[in-house]
């Protein structure tokens, strides 16, 4: 029984990964969303650079 649960869990993870990749493609196609993502990424990088000093 334990093996069946592990297989189901692995299948769920793969399906979730597929959904994540599909959503990422949709985000990449949406210029407004990508602009917001890039702006947030720049801010996060700046924040991390302050911590690294």
N, C-alpha and C. Protein backbone atom coordinates (compact mmCIF):
# COMPACT_ATOMS: atom_id res chain seq x y z
N UNK A 1 0.83 -1.21 0.00
CA UNK A 1 0.00 0.00 0.00
C UNK A 1 0.86 1.26 0.00
N UNK A 2 1.97 1.20 0.72
CA UNK A 2 2.85 2.36 0.81
C UNK A 2 3.40 2.75 -0.56
N UNK A 3 3.73 1.77 -1.40
CA UNK A 3 4.23 2.03 -2.73
C UNK A 3 3.21 2.72 -3.61
N UNK A 4 1.94 2.34 -3.46
CA UNK A 4 0.88 2.95 -4.25
C UNK A 4 0.73 4.42 -3.91
N UNK A 5 0.87 4.76 -2.63
CA UNK A 5 0.78 6.15 -2.20
C UNK A 5 1.94 6.95 -2.80
N UNK A 6 3.13 6.38 -2.80
CA UNK A 6 4.30 7.07 -3.35
C UNK A 6 4.12 7.30 -4.85
N UNK A 7 3.57 6.33 -5.55
CA UNK A 7 3.33 6.48 -6.99
C UNK A 7 2.29 7.56 -7.24
N UNK A 8 1.22 7.57 -6.45
CA UNK A 8 0.18 8.60 -6.59
C UNK A 8 0.75 9.98 -6.30
N UNK A 9 1.60 10.06 -5.28
CA UNK A 9 2.22 11.34 -4.92
C UNK A 9 3.13 11.83 -6.04
N UNK A 10 3.90 10.92 -6.61
CA UNK A 10 4.78 11.28 -7.71
C UNK A 10 3.97 11.74 -8.93
N UNK A 11 2.89 11.05 -9.22
CA UNK A 11 2.03 11.42 -10.35
C UNK A 11 1.44 12.81 -10.13
N UNK A 12 0.99 13.08 -8.90
CA UNK A 12 0.43 14.39 -8.59
C UNK A 12 1.49 15.47 -8.78
N UNK A 13 2.71 15.22 -8.33
CA UNK A 13 3.78 16.22 -8.48
C UNK A 13 4.07 16.51 -9.95
N UNK A 14 4.11 15.47 -10.77
CA UNK A 14 4.36 15.66 -12.20
C UNK A 14 3.22 16.46 -12.83
N UNK A 15 1.99 16.15 -12.46
CA UNK A 15 0.85 16.89 -12.99
C UNK A 15 0.90 18.35 -12.55
N UNK A 16 1.29 18.58 -11.31
CA UNK A 16 1.43 19.95 -10.80
C UNK A 16 2.53 20.69 -11.54
N UNK A 17 3.64 20.02 -11.80
CA UNK A 17 4.72 20.62 -12.56
C UNK A 17 4.25 21.03 -13.95
N UNK A 18 3.47 20.19 -14.57
CA UNK A 18 2.93 20.50 -15.89
C UNK A 18 2.03 21.73 -15.84
N UNK A 19 1.17 21.79 -14.84
CA UNK A 19 0.30 22.97 -14.68
C UNK A 19 1.14 24.23 -14.46
N UNK A 20 2.19 24.10 -13.66
CA UNK A 20 3.06 25.24 -13.38
C UNK A 20 3.74 25.74 -14.65
N UNK A 21 4.25 24.82 -15.45
CA UNK A 21 4.90 25.21 -16.70
C UNK A 21 3.91 25.85 -17.68
N UNK A 22 2.70 25.32 -17.74
CA UNK A 22 1.67 25.89 -18.61
C UNK A 22 1.33 27.31 -18.16
N UNK A 23 1.22 27.52 -16.86
CA UNK A 23 0.92 28.84 -16.33
C UNK A 23 2.07 29.81 -16.61
N UNK A 24 3.30 29.33 -16.49
CA UNK A 24 4.46 30.18 -16.78
C UNK A 24 4.43 30.66 -18.23
N UNK A 25 4.05 29.78 -19.13
CA UNK A 25 3.96 30.17 -20.54
C UNK A 25 2.90 31.25 -20.74
N UNK A 26 1.79 31.13 -20.04
CA UNK A 26 0.73 32.14 -20.13
C UNK A 26 1.23 33.48 -19.60
N UNK A 27 1.97 33.45 -18.51
CA UNK A 27 2.52 34.69 -17.93
C UNK A 27 3.50 35.33 -18.91
N UNK A 28 4.35 34.51 -19.53
CA UNK A 28 5.33 35.04 -20.49
C UNK A 28 4.66 35.72 -21.67
N UNK A 29 3.49 35.25 -22.07
CA UNK A 29 2.77 35.82 -23.20
C UNK A 29 2.06 37.13 -22.85
N UNK A 30 1.86 37.39 -21.56
CA UNK A 30 1.14 38.58 -21.10
C UNK A 30 2.15 39.67 -20.73
N UNK A 31 2.27 40.66 -21.59
CA UNK A 31 3.32 41.68 -21.39
C UNK A 31 3.16 42.45 -20.09
N UNK A 32 1.95 42.73 -19.68
CA UNK A 32 1.73 43.46 -18.42
C UNK A 32 2.17 42.63 -17.22
N UNK A 33 1.82 41.36 -17.23
CA UNK A 33 2.22 40.48 -16.12
C UNK A 33 3.74 40.32 -16.08
N UNK A 34 4.36 40.16 -17.26
CA UNK A 34 5.82 40.01 -17.30
C UNK A 34 6.51 41.28 -16.83
N UNK A 35 5.97 42.43 -17.18
CA UNK A 35 6.56 43.69 -16.72
C UNK A 35 6.50 43.77 -15.19
N UNK A 36 5.38 43.37 -14.62
CA UNK A 36 5.24 43.38 -13.16
C UNK A 36 6.20 42.38 -12.51
N UNK A 37 6.35 41.23 -13.12
CA UNK A 37 7.27 40.22 -12.60
C UNK A 37 8.71 40.74 -12.62
N UNK A 38 9.09 41.35 -13.74
CA UNK A 38 10.45 41.88 -13.86
C UNK A 38 10.70 42.99 -12.86
N UNK A 39 9.71 43.85 -12.64
CA UNK A 39 9.86 44.94 -11.67
C UNK A 39 10.04 44.36 -10.26
N UNK A 40 9.25 43.37 -9.94
CA UNK A 40 9.38 42.75 -8.62
C UNK A 40 10.73 42.04 -8.48
N UNK A 41 11.18 41.37 -9.53
CA UNK A 41 12.47 40.69 -9.49
C UNK A 41 13.60 41.69 -9.25
N UNK A 42 13.54 42.84 -9.92
CA UNK A 42 14.57 43.87 -9.72
C UNK A 42 14.58 44.34 -8.28
N UNK A 43 13.39 44.53 -7.71
CA UNK A 43 13.30 44.98 -6.31
C UNK A 43 13.86 43.93 -5.37
N UNK A 44 13.55 42.68 -5.61
CA UNK A 44 14.06 41.59 -4.76
C UNK A 44 15.58 41.50 -4.84
N UNK A 45 16.12 41.68 -6.06
CA UNK A 45 17.58 41.67 -6.23
C UNK A 45 18.21 42.81 -5.44
N UNK A 46 17.61 43.99 -5.54
CA UNK A 46 18.13 45.15 -4.80
C UNK A 46 18.08 44.88 -3.30
N UNK A 47 17.00 44.29 -2.83
CA UNK A 47 16.87 43.96 -1.40
C UNK A 47 17.96 42.98 -0.96
N UNK A 48 18.20 41.97 -1.78
CA UNK A 48 19.22 40.97 -1.44
C UNK A 48 20.62 41.58 -1.46
N UNK A 49 20.87 42.53 -2.37
CA UNK A 49 22.16 43.18 -2.41
C UNK A 49 22.41 43.99 -1.15
N UNK A 50 21.35 44.57 -0.59
CA UNK A 50 21.50 45.31 0.67
C UNK A 50 21.86 44.36 1.81
N UNK A 51 21.30 43.18 1.80
CA UNK A 51 21.58 42.20 2.85
C UNK A 51 23.02 41.69 2.71
N UNK A 52 23.48 41.55 1.48
CA UNK A 52 24.80 40.96 1.21
C UNK A 52 25.95 41.92 1.57
N UNK A 53 25.66 43.18 1.78
CA UNK A 53 26.72 44.16 2.09
C UNK A 53 27.31 43.92 3.45
